[in-house]
Full PDB file with SEQRES, HELIX, SHEET, SSBOND, CRYST1, ORIGX, SCALE, CONECT and MASTER records, all heavy atoms in Angstrom:
SEQRES   1 A   37  ARG ARG SER LYS ARG PHE ALA ASP TRP LEU ASP GLY VAL          
SEQRES   2 A   37  ALA LEU LYS LEU PRO ILE LEU GLY THR VAL VAL HIS ASP          
SEQRES   3 A   37  ALA VAL ILE ALA ARG PHE SER ARG THR LEU SER                  
HELIX    1 AA1 LYS A    4  LYS A   16  1                                  13    
HELIX    2 AA2 LEU A   20  LEU A   36  1                                  17    
CRYST1    1.000    1.000    1.000  90.00  90.00  90.00 P 1           1          
ORIGX1      1.000000  0.000000  0.000000        0.00000                         
ORIGX2      0.000000  1.000000  0.000000        0.00000                         
ORIGX3      0.000000  0.000000  1.000000        0.00000                         
SCALE1      1.000000  0.000000  0.000000        0.00000                         
SCALE2      0.000000  1.000000  0.000000        0.00000                         
SCALE3      0.000000  0.000000  1.000000        0.00000                         
ATOM      1  N   ARG A   1     -22.278 -17.230  55.950  1.00  0.00           N  
ATOM      2  CA  ARG A   1     -23.142 -17.119  57.119  1.00  0.00           C  
ATOM      3  C   ARG A   1     -22.371 -17.328  58.422  1.00  0.00           C  
ATOM      4  O   ARG A   1     -22.618 -16.637  59.415  1.00  0.00           O  
ATOM      5  CB  ARG A   1     -24.265 -18.154  57.020  1.00  0.00           C  
ATOM      6  CG  ARG A   1     -25.275 -18.080  58.151  1.00  0.00           C  
ATOM      7  CD  ARG A   1     -26.302 -19.201  58.027  1.00  0.00           C  
ATOM      8  NE  ARG A   1     -27.007 -19.141  56.755  1.00  0.00           N  
ATOM      9  CZ  ARG A   1     -27.847 -20.077  56.325  1.00  0.00           C  
ATOM     10  NH1 ARG A   1     -28.051 -21.151  57.078  1.00  0.00           N  
ATOM     11  NH2 ARG A   1     -28.461 -19.962  55.168  1.00  0.00           N  
ATOM     12  N   ARG A   2     -21.408 -18.263  58.430  1.00  0.00           N  
ATOM     13  CA  ARG A   2     -20.756 -18.662  59.676  1.00  0.00           C  
ATOM     14  C   ARG A   2     -19.416 -17.980  59.924  1.00  0.00           C  
ATOM     15  O   ARG A   2     -18.987 -17.868  61.070  1.00  0.00           O  
ATOM     16  CB  ARG A   2     -20.564 -20.183  59.688  1.00  0.00           C  
ATOM     17  CG  ARG A   2     -21.869 -20.954  59.629  1.00  0.00           C  
ATOM     18  CD  ARG A   2     -21.616 -22.451  59.522  1.00  0.00           C  
ATOM     19  NE  ARG A   2     -22.855 -23.188  59.351  1.00  0.00           N  
ATOM     20  CZ  ARG A   2     -23.612 -23.609  60.353  1.00  0.00           C  
ATOM     21  NH1 ARG A   2     -23.255 -23.348  61.597  1.00  0.00           N  
ATOM     22  NH2 ARG A   2     -24.727 -24.287  60.120  1.00  0.00           N  
ATOM     23  N   SER A   3     -18.727 -17.566  58.853  1.00  0.00           N  
ATOM     24  CA  SER A   3     -17.400 -16.962  59.016  1.00  0.00           C  
ATOM     25  C   SER A   3     -17.488 -15.446  58.829  1.00  0.00           C  
ATOM     26  O   SER A   3     -17.708 -14.969  57.705  1.00  0.00           O  
ATOM     27  CB  SER A   3     -16.416 -17.577  58.011  1.00  0.00           C  
ATOM     28  OG  SER A   3     -15.189 -16.886  58.039  1.00  0.00           O  
ATOM     29  N   LYS A   4     -17.296 -14.715  59.904  1.00  0.00           N  
ATOM     30  CA  LYS A   4     -17.340 -13.252  59.827  1.00  0.00           C  
ATOM     31  C   LYS A   4     -16.191 -12.729  58.964  1.00  0.00           C  
ATOM     32  O   LYS A   4     -16.355 -11.771  58.202  1.00  0.00           O  
ATOM     33  CB  LYS A   4     -17.269 -12.655  61.224  1.00  0.00           C  
ATOM     34  CG  LYS A   4     -17.404 -11.137  61.262  1.00  0.00           C  
ATOM     35  CD  LYS A   4     -17.374 -10.618  62.673  1.00  0.00           C  
ATOM     36  CE  LYS A   4     -17.581  -9.105  62.691  1.00  0.00           C  
ATOM     37  NZ  LYS A   4     -16.552  -8.379  61.921  1.00  0.00           N  
ATOM     38  N   ARG A   5     -15.036 -13.375  59.075  1.00  0.00           N  
ATOM     39  CA  ARG A   5     -13.878 -12.935  58.292  1.00  0.00           C  
ATOM     40  C   ARG A   5     -14.136 -13.064  56.792  1.00  0.00           C  
ATOM     41  O   ARG A   5     -13.809 -12.169  56.010  1.00  0.00           O  
ATOM     42  CB  ARG A   5     -12.657 -13.770  58.697  1.00  0.00           C  
ATOM     43  CG  ARG A   5     -11.347 -13.298  58.103  1.00  0.00           C  
ATOM     44  CD  ARG A   5     -10.197 -14.100  58.675  1.00  0.00           C  
ATOM     45  NE  ARG A   5      -8.928 -13.676  58.103  1.00  0.00           N  
ATOM     46  CZ  ARG A   5      -7.764 -14.215  58.406  1.00  0.00           C  
ATOM     47  NH1 ARG A   5      -7.694 -15.188  59.310  1.00  0.00           N  
ATOM     48  NH2 ARG A   5      -6.653 -13.784  57.830  1.00  0.00           N  
ATOM     49  N   PHE A   6     -14.730 -14.184  56.388  1.00  0.00           N  
ATOM     50  CA  PHE A   6     -15.037 -14.398  54.968  1.00  0.00           C  
ATOM     51  C   PHE A   6     -16.100 -13.413  54.482  1.00  0.00           C  
ATOM     52  O   PHE A   6     -15.988 -12.850  53.387  1.00  0.00           O  
ATOM     53  CB  PHE A   6     -15.516 -15.837  54.762  1.00  0.00           C  
ATOM     54  CG  PHE A   6     -15.823 -16.189  53.328  1.00  0.00           C  
ATOM     55  CD1 PHE A   6     -14.808 -16.260  52.388  1.00  0.00           C  
ATOM     56  CD2 PHE A   6     -17.124 -16.421  52.917  1.00  0.00           C  
ATOM     57  CE1 PHE A   6     -15.076 -16.582  51.059  1.00  0.00           C  
ATOM     58  CE2 PHE A   6     -17.414 -16.742  51.602  1.00  0.00           C  
ATOM     59  CZ  PHE A   6     -16.377 -16.826  50.672  1.00  0.00           C  
ATOM     60  N   ALA A   7     -17.138 -13.195  55.312  1.00  0.00           N  
ATOM     61  CA  ALA A   7     -18.200 -12.245  54.950  1.00  0.00           C  
ATOM     62  C   ALA A   7     -17.638 -10.829  54.821  1.00  0.00           C  
ATOM     63  O   ALA A   7     -18.010 -10.084  53.901  1.00  0.00           O  
ATOM     64  CB  ALA A   7     -19.316 -12.290  55.979  1.00  0.00           C  
ATOM     65  N   ASP A   8     -16.726 -10.452  55.733  1.00  0.00           N  
ATOM     66  CA  ASP A   8     -16.105  -9.122  55.658  1.00  0.00           C  
ATOM     67  C   ASP A   8     -15.259  -8.987  54.396  1.00  0.00           C  
ATOM     68  O   ASP A   8     -15.239  -7.925  53.754  1.00  0.00           O  
ATOM     69  CB  ASP A   8     -15.236  -8.875  56.896  1.00  0.00           C  
ATOM     70  CG  ASP A   8     -16.071  -8.766  58.162  1.00  0.00           C  
ATOM     71  OD1 ASP A   8     -17.314  -8.733  58.054  1.00  0.00           O  
ATOM     72  OD2 ASP A   8     -15.480  -8.721  59.265  1.00  0.00           O  
ATOM     73  N   TRP A   9     -14.566 -10.076  54.038  1.00  0.00           N  
ATOM     74  CA  TRP A   9     -13.741 -10.057  52.811  1.00  0.00           C  
ATOM     75  C   TRP A   9     -14.628  -9.876  51.577  1.00  0.00           C  
ATOM     76  O   TRP A   9     -14.282  -9.117  50.658  1.00  0.00           O  
ATOM     77  CB  TRP A   9     -12.957 -11.360  52.720  1.00  0.00           C  
ATOM     78  CG  TRP A   9     -12.143 -11.472  51.461  1.00  0.00           C  
ATOM     79  CD1 TRP A   9     -10.939 -10.870  51.194  1.00  0.00           C  
ATOM     80  CD2 TRP A   9     -12.486 -12.222  50.284  1.00  0.00           C  
ATOM     81  NE1 TRP A   9     -10.517 -11.197  49.933  1.00  0.00           N  
ATOM     82  CE2 TRP A   9     -11.440 -12.028  49.339  1.00  0.00           C  
ATOM     83  CE3 TRP A   9     -13.554 -13.042  49.932  1.00  0.00           C  
ATOM     84  CZ2 TRP A   9     -11.448 -12.627  48.088  1.00  0.00           C  
ATOM     85  CZ3 TRP A   9     -13.567 -13.629  48.679  1.00  0.00           C  
ATOM     86  CH2 TRP A   9     -12.536 -13.424  47.790  1.00  0.00           C  
ATOM     87  N   LEU A  10     -15.782 -10.543  51.555  1.00  0.00           N  
ATOM     88  CA  LEU A  10     -16.714 -10.394  50.434  1.00  0.00           C  
ATOM     89  C   LEU A  10     -17.225  -8.958  50.324  1.00  0.00           C  
ATOM     90  O   LEU A  10     -17.382  -8.427  49.217  1.00  0.00           O  
ATOM     91  CB  LEU A  10     -17.897 -11.352  50.600  1.00  0.00           C  
ATOM     92  CG  LEU A  10     -17.649 -12.829  50.327  1.00  0.00           C  
ATOM     93  CD1 LEU A  10     -18.900 -13.638  50.605  1.00  0.00           C  
ATOM     94  CD2 LEU A  10     -17.188 -13.059  48.891  1.00  0.00           C  
ATOM     95  N   ASP A  11     -17.492  -8.321  51.475  1.00  0.00           N  
ATOM     96  CA  ASP A  11     -17.944  -6.923  51.465  1.00  0.00           C  
ATOM     97  C   ASP A  11     -16.883  -6.015  50.860  1.00  0.00           C  
ATOM     98  O   ASP A  11     -17.205  -5.081  50.114  1.00  0.00           O  
ATOM     99  CB  ASP A  11     -18.260  -6.470  52.891  1.00  0.00           C  
ATOM    100  CG  ASP A  11     -19.574  -7.049  53.402  1.00  0.00           C  
ATOM    101  OD1 ASP A  11     -20.374  -7.506  52.571  1.00  0.00           O  
ATOM    102  OD2 ASP A  11     -19.786  -7.049  54.627  1.00  0.00           O  
ATOM    103  N   GLY A  12     -15.612  -6.291  51.170  1.00  0.00           N  
ATOM    104  CA  GLY A  12     -14.530  -5.499  50.587  1.00  0.00           C  
ATOM    105  C   GLY A  12     -14.407  -5.722  49.088  1.00  0.00           C  
ATOM    106  O   GLY A  12     -14.188  -4.775  48.322  1.00  0.00           O  
ATOM    107  N   VAL A  13     -14.575  -6.972  48.658  1.00  0.00           N  
ATOM    108  CA  VAL A  13     -14.504  -7.292  47.221  1.00  0.00           C  
ATOM    109  C   VAL A  13     -15.648  -6.624  46.468  1.00  0.00           C  
ATOM    110  O   VAL A  13     -15.461  -6.119  45.347  1.00  0.00           O  
ATOM    111  CB  VAL A  13     -14.541  -8.825  47.016  1.00  0.00           C  
ATOM    112  CG1 VAL A  13     -14.733  -9.173  45.541  1.00  0.00           C  
ATOM    113  CG2 VAL A  13     -13.267  -9.462  47.547  1.00  0.00           C  
ATOM    114  N   ALA A  14     -16.839  -6.603  47.075  1.00  0.00           N  
ATOM    115  CA  ALA A  14     -18.012  -6.004  46.419  1.00  0.00           C  
ATOM    116  C   ALA A  14     -17.771  -4.538  46.083  1.00  0.00           C  
ATOM    117  O   ALA A  14     -18.230  -4.039  45.046  1.00  0.00           O  
ATOM    118  CB  ALA A  14     -19.242  -6.147  47.313  1.00  0.00           C  
ATOM    119  N   LEU A  15     -17.028  -3.829  46.949  1.00  0.00           N  
ATOM    120  CA  LEU A  15     -16.750  -2.405  46.701  1.00  0.00           C  
ATOM    121  C   LEU A  15     -15.735  -2.198  45.581  1.00  0.00           C  
ATOM    122  O   LEU A  15     -15.653  -1.108  45.015  1.00  0.00           O  
ATOM    123  CB  LEU A  15     -16.229  -1.748  47.983  1.00  0.00           C  
ATOM    124  CG  LEU A  15     -17.240  -1.616  49.127  1.00  0.00           C  
ATOM    125  CD1 LEU A  15     -16.537  -1.227  50.411  1.00  0.00           C  
ATOM    126  CD2 LEU A  15     -18.318  -0.595  48.782  1.00  0.00           C  
ATOM    127  N   LYS A  16     -14.953  -3.248  45.256  1.00  0.00           N  
ATOM    128  CA  LYS A  16     -13.892  -3.117  44.246  1.00  0.00           C  
ATOM    129  C   LYS A  16     -14.293  -3.663  42.882  1.00  0.00           C  
ATOM    130  O   LYS A  16     -13.496  -3.624  41.947  1.00  0.00           O  
ATOM    131  CB  LYS A  16     -12.633  -3.839  44.736  1.00  0.00           C  
ATOM    132  CG  LYS A  16     -12.035  -3.237  46.004  1.00  0.00           C  
ATOM    133  CD  LYS A  16     -10.865  -4.058  46.519  1.00  0.00           C  
ATOM    134  CE  LYS A  16     -10.328  -3.481  47.817  1.00  0.00           C  
ATOM    135  NZ  LYS A  16      -9.238  -4.314  48.388  1.00  0.00           N  
ATOM    136  N   LEU A  17     -15.510  -4.186  42.768  1.00  0.00           N  
ATOM    137  CA  LEU A  17     -15.957  -4.717  41.474  1.00  0.00           C  
ATOM    138  C   LEU A  17     -15.998  -3.595  40.441  1.00  0.00           C  
ATOM    139  O   LEU A  17     -16.374  -2.461  40.760  1.00  0.00           O  
ATOM    140  CB  LEU A  17     -17.338  -5.350  41.615  1.00  0.00           C  
ATOM    141  CG  LEU A  17     -17.408  -6.633  42.451  1.00  0.00           C  
ATOM    142  CD1 LEU A  17     -18.852  -7.084  42.614  1.00  0.00           C  
ATOM    143  CD2 LEU A  17     -16.590  -7.742  41.805  1.00  0.00           C  
ATOM    144  N   PRO A  18     -15.616  -3.891  39.189  1.00  0.00           N  
ATOM    145  CA  PRO A  18     -15.493  -2.834  38.169  1.00  0.00           C  
ATOM    146  C   PRO A  18     -16.735  -1.979  37.963  1.00  0.00           C  
ATOM    147  O   PRO A  18     -16.668  -0.777  37.940  1.00  0.00           O  
ATOM    148  CB  PRO A  18     -15.158  -3.631  36.890  1.00  0.00           C  
ATOM    149  CG  PRO A  18     -14.591  -4.915  37.380  1.00  0.00           C  
ATOM    150  CD  PRO A  18     -15.255  -5.196  38.679  1.00  0.00           C  
ATOM    151  N   ILE A  19     -17.890  -2.599  37.809  1.00  0.00           N  
ATOM    152  CA  ILE A  19     -19.111  -1.846  37.498  1.00  0.00           C  
ATOM    153  C   ILE A  19     -20.031  -1.772  38.713  1.00  0.00           C  
ATOM    154  O   ILE A  19     -20.508  -0.695  39.095  1.00  0.00           O  
ATOM    155  CB  ILE A  19     -19.863  -2.494  36.312  1.00  0.00           C  
ATOM    156  CG1 ILE A  19     -18.963  -2.505  35.066  1.00  0.00           C  
ATOM    157  CG2 ILE A  19     -21.142  -1.749  36.013  1.00  0.00           C  
ATOM    158  CD1 ILE A  19     -19.535  -3.261  33.896  1.00  0.00           C  
ATOM    159  N   LEU A  20     -20.241  -2.911  39.359  1.00  0.00           N  
ATOM    160  CA  LEU A  20     -21.186  -2.967  40.479  1.00  0.00           C  
ATOM    161  C   LEU A  20     -20.637  -2.296  41.739  1.00  0.00           C  
ATOM    162  O   LEU A  20     -21.404  -1.922  42.623  1.00  0.00           O  
ATOM    163  CB  LEU A  20     -21.538  -4.424  40.787  1.00  0.00           C  
ATOM    164  CG  LEU A  20     -22.323  -5.170  39.701  1.00  0.00           C  
ATOM    165  CD1 LEU A  20     -22.480  -6.634  40.069  1.00  0.00           C  
ATOM    166  CD2 LEU A  20     -23.697  -4.540  39.513  1.00  0.00           C  
ATOM    167  N   GLY A  21     -19.313  -2.145  41.822  1.00  0.00           N  
ATOM    168  CA  GLY A  21     -18.713  -1.547  43.009  1.00  0.00           C  
ATOM    169  C   GLY A  21     -19.218  -0.142  43.281  1.00  0.00           C  
ATOM    170  O   GLY A  21     -19.466   0.231  44.438  1.00  0.00           O  
ATOM    171  N   THR A  22     -19.393   0.649  42.224  1.00  0.00           N  
ATOM    172  CA  THR A  22     -19.894   2.024  42.384  1.00  0.00           C  
ATOM    173  C   THR A  22     -21.321   2.025  42.912  1.00  0.00           C  
ATOM    174  O   THR A  22     -21.675   2.845  43.776  1.00  0.00           O  
ATOM    175  CB  THR A  22     -19.841   2.759  41.029  1.00  0.00           C  
ATOM    176  OG1 THR A  22     -18.516   2.718  40.531  1.00  0.00           O  
ATOM    177  CG2 THR A  22     -20.278   4.204  41.187  1.00  0.00           C  
ATOM    178  N   VAL A  23     -22.134   1.099  42.414  1.00  0.00           N  
ATOM    179  CA  VAL A  23     -23.526   1.010  42.874  1.00  0.00           C  
ATOM    180  C   VAL A  23     -23.572   0.622  44.350  1.00  0.00           C  
ATOM    181  O   VAL A  23     -24.332   1.204  45.136  1.00  0.00           O  
ATOM    182  CB  VAL A  23     -24.311  -0.013  42.022  1.00  0.00           C  
ATOM    183  CG1 VAL A  23     -25.758  -0.106  42.489  1.00  0.00           C  
ATOM    184  CG2 VAL A  23     -24.261   0.370  40.553  1.00  0.00           C  
ATOM    185  N   VAL A  24     -22.742  -0.359  44.733  1.00  0.00           N  
ATOM    186  CA  VAL A  24     -22.694  -0.793  46.134  1.00  0.00           C  
ATOM    187  C   VAL A  24     -22.237   0.353  47.032  1.00  0.00           C  
ATOM    188  O   VAL A  24     -22.806   0.591  48.108  1.00  0.00           O  
ATOM    189  CB  VAL A  24     -21.760  -2.015  46.288  1.00  0.00           C  
ATOM    190  CG1 VAL A  24     -21.592  -2.378  47.758  1.00  0.00           C  
ATOM    191  CG2 VAL A  24     -22.307  -3.210  45.519  1.00  0.00           C  
ATOM    192  N   HIS A  25     -21.218   1.098  46.585  1.00  0.00           N  
ATOM    193  CA  HIS A  25     -20.697   2.235  47.362  1.00  0.00           C  
ATOM    194  C   HIS A  25     -21.783   3.295  47.581  1.00  0.00           C  
ATOM    195  O   HIS A  25     -22.008   3.754  48.711  1.00  0.00           O  
ATOM    196  CB  HIS A  25     -19.503   2.847  46.629  1.00  0.00           C  
ATOM    197  CG  HIS A  25     -19.040   4.147  47.208  1.00  0.00           C  
ATOM    198  ND1 HIS A  25     -19.502   5.366  46.741  1.00  0.00           N  
ATOM    199  CD2 HIS A  25     -18.188   4.439  48.214  1.00  0.00           C  
ATOM    200  CE1 HIS A  25     -18.943   6.337  47.441  1.00  0.00           C  
ATOM    201  NE2 HIS A  25     -18.143   5.805  48.336  1.00  0.00           N  
ATOM    202  N   ASP A  26     -22.475   3.667  46.503  1.00  0.00           N  
ATOM    203  CA  ASP A  26     -23.536   4.683  46.621  1.00  0.00           C  
ATOM    204  C   ASP A  26     -24.673   4.195  47.514  1.00  0.00           C  
ATOM    205  O   ASP A  26     -25.258   4.985  48.277  1.00  0.00           O  
ATOM    206  CB  ASP A  26     -24.081   5.035  45.235  1.00  0.00           C  
ATOM    207  CG  ASP A  26     -23.087   5.841  44.409  1.00  0.00           C  
ATOM    208  OD1 ASP A  26     -22.066   6.287  44.971  1.00  0.00           O  
ATOM    209  OD2 ASP A  26     -23.314   6.012  43.194  1.00  0.00           O  
ATOM    210  N   ALA A  27     -24.975   2.908  47.424  1.00  0.00           N  
ATOM    211  CA  ALA A  27     -26.048   2.352  48.261  1.00  0.00           C  
ATOM    212  C   ALA A  27     -25.668   2.405  49.742  1.00  0.00           C  
ATOM    213  O   ALA A  27     -26.515   2.713  50.600  1.00  0.00           O  
ATOM    214  CB  ALA A  27     -26.348   0.914  47.842  1.00  0.00           C  
ATOM    215  N   VAL A  28     -24.408   2.117  50.048  1.00  0.00           N  
ATOM    216  CA  VAL A  28     -23.949   2.156  51.447  1.00  0.00           C  
ATOM    217  C   VAL A  28     -23.988   3.591  51.979  1.00  0.00           C  
ATOM    218  O   VAL A  28     -24.411   3.832  53.118  1.00  0.00           O  
ATOM    219  CB  VAL A  28     -22.530   1.571  51.561  1.00  0.00           C  
ATOM    220  CG1 VAL A  28     -21.972   1.795  52.963  1.00  0.00           C  
ATOM    221  CG2 VAL A  28     -22.540   0.081  51.250  1.00  0.00           C  
ATOM    222  N   ILE A  29     -23.555   4.558  51.155  1.00  0.00           N  
ATOM    223  CA  ILE A  29     -23.584   5.965  51.574  1.00  0.00           C  
ATOM    224  C   ILE A  29     -25.024   6.417  51.801  1.00  0.00           C  
ATOM    225  O   ILE A  29     -25.325   7.121  52.784  1.00  0.00           O  
ATOM    226  CB  ILE A  29     -22.903   6.860  50.514  1.00  0.00           C  
ATOM    227  CG1 ILE A  29     -21.425   6.478  50.340  1.00  0.00           C  
ATOM    228  CG2 ILE A  29     -23.022   8.330  50.904  1.00  0.00           C  
ATOM    229  CD1 ILE A  29     -20.601   6.613  51.598  1.00  0.00           C  
ATOM    230  N   ALA A  30     -25.931   6.010  50.915  1.00  0.00           N  
ATOM    231  CA  ALA A  30     -27.343   6.371  51.070  1.00  0.00           C  
ATOM    232  C   ALA A  30     -27.919   5.775  52.351  1.00  0.00           C  
ATOM    233  O   ALA A  30     -28.653   6.440  53.091  1.00  0.00           O  
ATOM    234  CB  ALA A  30     -28.141   5.876  49.858  1.00  0.00           C  
ATOM    235  N   ARG A  31     -27.555   4.535  52.633  1.00  0.00           N  
ATOM    236  CA  ARG A  31     -28.077   3.882  53.835  1.00  0.00           C  
ATOM    237  C   ARG A  31     -27.508   4.522  55.099  1.00  0.00           C  
ATOM    238  O   ARG A  31     -28.227   4.710  56.085  1.00  0.00           O  
ATOM    239  CB  ARG A  31     -27.722   2.392  53.787  1.00  0.00           C  
ATOM    240  CG  ARG A  31     -28.446   1.582  54.830  1.00  0.00           C  
ATOM    241  CD  ARG A  31     -28.335   0.104  54.546  1.00  0.00           C  
ATOM    242  NE  ARG A  31     -29.144  -0.672  55.467  1.00  0.00           N  
ATOM    243  CZ  ARG A  31     -29.283  -1.984  55.393  1.00  0.00           C  
ATOM    244  NH1 ARG A  31     -28.687  -2.650  54.436  1.00  0.00           N  
ATOM    245  NH2 ARG A  31     -30.020  -2.624  56.274  1.00  0.00           N  
ATOM    246  N   PHE A  32     -26.213   4.845  55.069  1.00  0.00           N  
ATOM    247  CA  PHE A  32     -25.588   5.529  56.212  1.00  0.00           C  
ATOM    248  C   PHE A  32     -26.287   6.863  56.492  1.00  0.00           C  
ATOM    249  O   PHE A  32     -26.657   7.163  57.636  1.00  0.00           O  
ATOM    250  CB  PHE A  32     -24.108   5.758  55.917  1.00  0.00           C  
ATOM    251  CG  PHE A  32     -23.439   6.760  56.828  1.00  0.00           C  
ATOM    252  CD1 PHE A  32     -23.048   6.407  58.107  1.00  0.00           C  
ATOM    253  CD2 PHE A  32     -23.212   8.066  56.402  1.00  0.00           C  
ATOM    254  CE1 PHE A  32     -22.444   7.333  58.949  1.00  0.00           C  
ATOM    255  CE2 PHE A  32     -22.610   8.999  57.237  1.00  0.00           C  
ATOM    256  CZ  PHE A  32     -22.229   8.627  58.521  1.00  0.00           C  
ATOM    257  N   SER A  33     -26.487   7.645  55.451  1.00  0.00           N  
ATOM    258  CA  SER A  33     -27.102   8.963  55.613  1.00  0.00           C  
ATOM    259  C   SER A  33     -28.543   8.848  56.089  1.00  0.00           C  
ATOM    260  O   SER A  33     -28.976   9.584  56.986  1.00  0.00           O  
ATOM    261  CB  SER A  33     -27.053   9.731  54.282  1.00  0.00           C  
ATOM    262  OG  SER A  33     -25.740   9.812  53.789  1.00  0.00           O  
ATOM    263  N   ARG A  34     -29.293   7.914  55.502  1.00  0.00           N  
ATOM    264  CA  ARG A  34     -30.703   7.743  55.873  1.00  0.00           C  
ATOM    265  C   ARG A  34     -30.829   7.269  57.322  1.00  0.00           C  
ATOM    266  O   ARG A  34     -31.670   7.767  58.084  1.00  0.00           O  
ATOM    267  CB  ARG A  34     -31.363   6.731  54.926  1.00  0.00           C  
ATOM    268  CG  ARG A  34     -32.839   6.492  55.192  1.00  0.00           C  
ATOM    269  CD  ARG A  34     -33.685   7.688  54.902  1.00  0.00           C  
ATOM    270  NE  ARG A  34     -33.627   8.071  53.502  1.00  0.00           N  
ATOM    271  CZ  ARG A  34     -34.056   9.220  53.022  1.00  0.00           C  
ATOM    272  NH1 ARG A  34     -34.579  10.130  53.842  1.00  0.00           N  
ATOM    273  NH2 ARG A  34     -33.962   9.499  51.729  1.00  0.00           N  
ATOM    274  N   THR A  35     -30.005   6.303  57.717  1.00  0.00           N  
ATOM    275  CA  THR A  35     -30.095   5.756  59.078  1.00  0.00           C  
ATOM    276  C   THR A  35     -29.714   6.803  60.115  1.00  0.00           C  
ATOM    277  O   THR A  35     -30.418   6.998  61.120  1.00  0.00           O  
ATOM    278  CB  THR A  35     -29.177   4.529  59.218  1.00  0.00           C  
ATOM    279  OG1 THR A  35     -29.471   3.583  58.191  1.00  0.00           O  
ATOM    280  CG2 THR A  35     -29.377   3.856  60.568  1.00  0.00           C  
ATOM    281  N   LEU A  36     -28.600   7.514  59.869  1.00  0.00           N  
ATOM    282  CA  LEU A  36     -28.147   8.520  60.834  1.00  0.00           C  
ATOM    283  C   LEU A  36     -29.135   9.679  60.912  1.00  0.00           C  
ATOM    284  O   LEU A  36     -29.407  10.206  62.000  1.00  0.00           O  
ATOM    285  CB  LEU A  36     -26.754   9.032  60.440  1.00  0.00           C  
ATOM    286  CG  LEU A  36     -26.037   9.904  61.478  1.00  0.00           C  
ATOM    287  CD1 LEU A  36     -25.909   9.179  62.804  1.00  0.00           C  
ATOM    288  CD2 LEU A  36     -24.653  10.301  60.959  1.00  0.00           C  
ATOM    289  N   SER A  37     -29.704  10.067  59.776  1.00  0.00           N  
ATOM    290  CA  SER A  37     -30.702  11.134  59.759  1.00  0.00           C  
ATOM    291  C   SER A  37     -31.935  10.750  60.572  1.00  0.00           C  
ATOM    292  O   SER A  37     -32.442  11.539  61.373  1.00  0.00           O  
ATOM    293  CB  SER A  37     -31.097  11.447  58.308  1.00  0.00           C  
ATOM    294  OG  SER A  37     -32.198  12.320  58.257  1.00  0.00           O  
TER     295      SER A  37                                                      
MASTER        0    0    0    2    0    0    0    6  294    1    0    3          
END                                                                             
C-alpha cells in the first residue's frame, strides 16, 4: 500500500507467474482495450 516501488515489482512478478501470469496478462489487455474504447 505504501511503497510504489514494491507494488510495481509485484505487478511485474504477477505477469511472470507460470500459470496465473497468462491470465493476468489477458486481463490487463482486456482492460486496456475496454477502457480506451
